[in-house]
């Protein structure tokens, strides 16, 4: 019975995947954009009434100008 469980090409691919740091930038940016998205959602949730009123008054002003 062979003691080699993983084919050498697969082993090399896994090694390269672990050692390759190019994808790390993508993960960091994804975390940053995710955090920004959560903060934006929290702000929108907190000020939703004021935002709706501001949009409503803006729409009313545009409608009145016609």
Protein backbone atom coordinates (compact mmCIF):
# COMPACT_ATOMS: atom_id res chain seq x y z
CA UNK A 1 0.00 0.00 0.00
CA UNK A 2 1.28 3.47 -0.93
CA UNK A 3 1.93 6.02 1.80
CA UNK A 4 1.39 8.89 -0.63
CA UNK A 5 -2.20 9.91 -0.02
CA UNK A 6 -2.13 13.24 -1.88
CA UNK A 7 -0.92 13.41 -5.46
CA UNK A 8 2.23 15.58 -5.77
CA UNK A 9 0.52 18.03 -8.16
CA UNK A 10 -2.34 18.55 -5.73
CA UNK A 11 0.11 18.92 -2.86
CA UNK A 12 2.01 21.57 -4.84
CA UNK A 13 -1.23 23.44 -5.64
CA UNK A 14 -2.24 23.46 -1.96
CA UNK A 15 1.22 24.65 -0.95
CA UNK A 16 1.08 27.50 -3.49
CA UNK A 17 -2.39 28.47 -2.32
CA UNK A 18 -1.24 28.67 1.30
CA UNK A 19 1.96 30.58 0.51
CA UNK A 20 0.46 32.97 -2.06
CA UNK A 21 -0.29 36.30 -0.42
CA UNK A 22 -1.86 38.00 -3.45
CA UNK A 23 -5.39 37.07 -2.37
CA UNK A 24 -4.80 38.57 1.05
CA UNK A 25 -5.38 42.09 -0.29
CA UNK A 26 -8.79 41.05 -1.62
CA UNK A 27 -9.79 39.62 1.76
CA UNK A 28 -8.65 42.76 3.56
CA UNK A 29 -10.60 45.01 1.19
CA UNK A 30 -13.66 42.78 1.56
CA UNK A 31 -13.48 43.15 5.35
CA UNK A 32 -13.06 46.92 5.10
CA UNK A 33 -15.99 47.30 2.68
CA UNK A 34 -18.09 45.01 4.86
CA UNK A 35 -17.37 47.16 7.91
CA UNK A 36 -18.21 50.33 5.97
CA UNK A 37 -21.46 48.72 4.84
CA UNK A 38 -22.42 47.84 8.40
CA UNK A 39 -21.71 51.39 9.58
CA UNK A 40 -23.74 52.80 6.69
CA UNK A 41 -26.67 50.52 7.56
CA UNK A 42 -26.48 51.55 11.22
CA UNK A 43 -26.49 55.25 10.29
CA UNK A 44 -29.40 54.81 7.87
CA UNK A 45 -31.34 52.87 10.49
CA UNK A 46 -30.64 55.50 13.16
CA UNK A 47 -31.59 58.49 10.98
CA UNK A 48 -34.20 56.84 8.77
CA UNK A 49 -37.01 59.25 9.71
CA UNK A 50 -34.87 62.31 9.02
CA UNK A 51 -33.69 60.81 5.72
CA UNK A 52 -37.23 60.02 4.59
CA UNK A 53 -38.35 63.56 5.52
CA UNK A 54 -35.41 65.08 3.63
CA UNK A 55 -36.18 63.04 0.50
CA UNK A 56 -39.89 63.83 0.77
CA UNK A 57 -39.24 67.56 1.02
CA UNK A 58 -36.81 67.36 -1.90
CA UNK A 59 -39.37 65.54 -4.01
CA UNK A 60 -42.04 68.06 -3.03
CA UNK A 61 -39.74 70.93 -4.02
CA UNK A 62 -39.06 69.32 -7.41
CA UNK A 63 -42.76 68.71 -7.98
CA UNK A 64 -43.61 72.30 -7.05
CA UNK A 65 -41.09 73.66 -9.53
CA UNK A 66 -42.88 72.10 -12.51
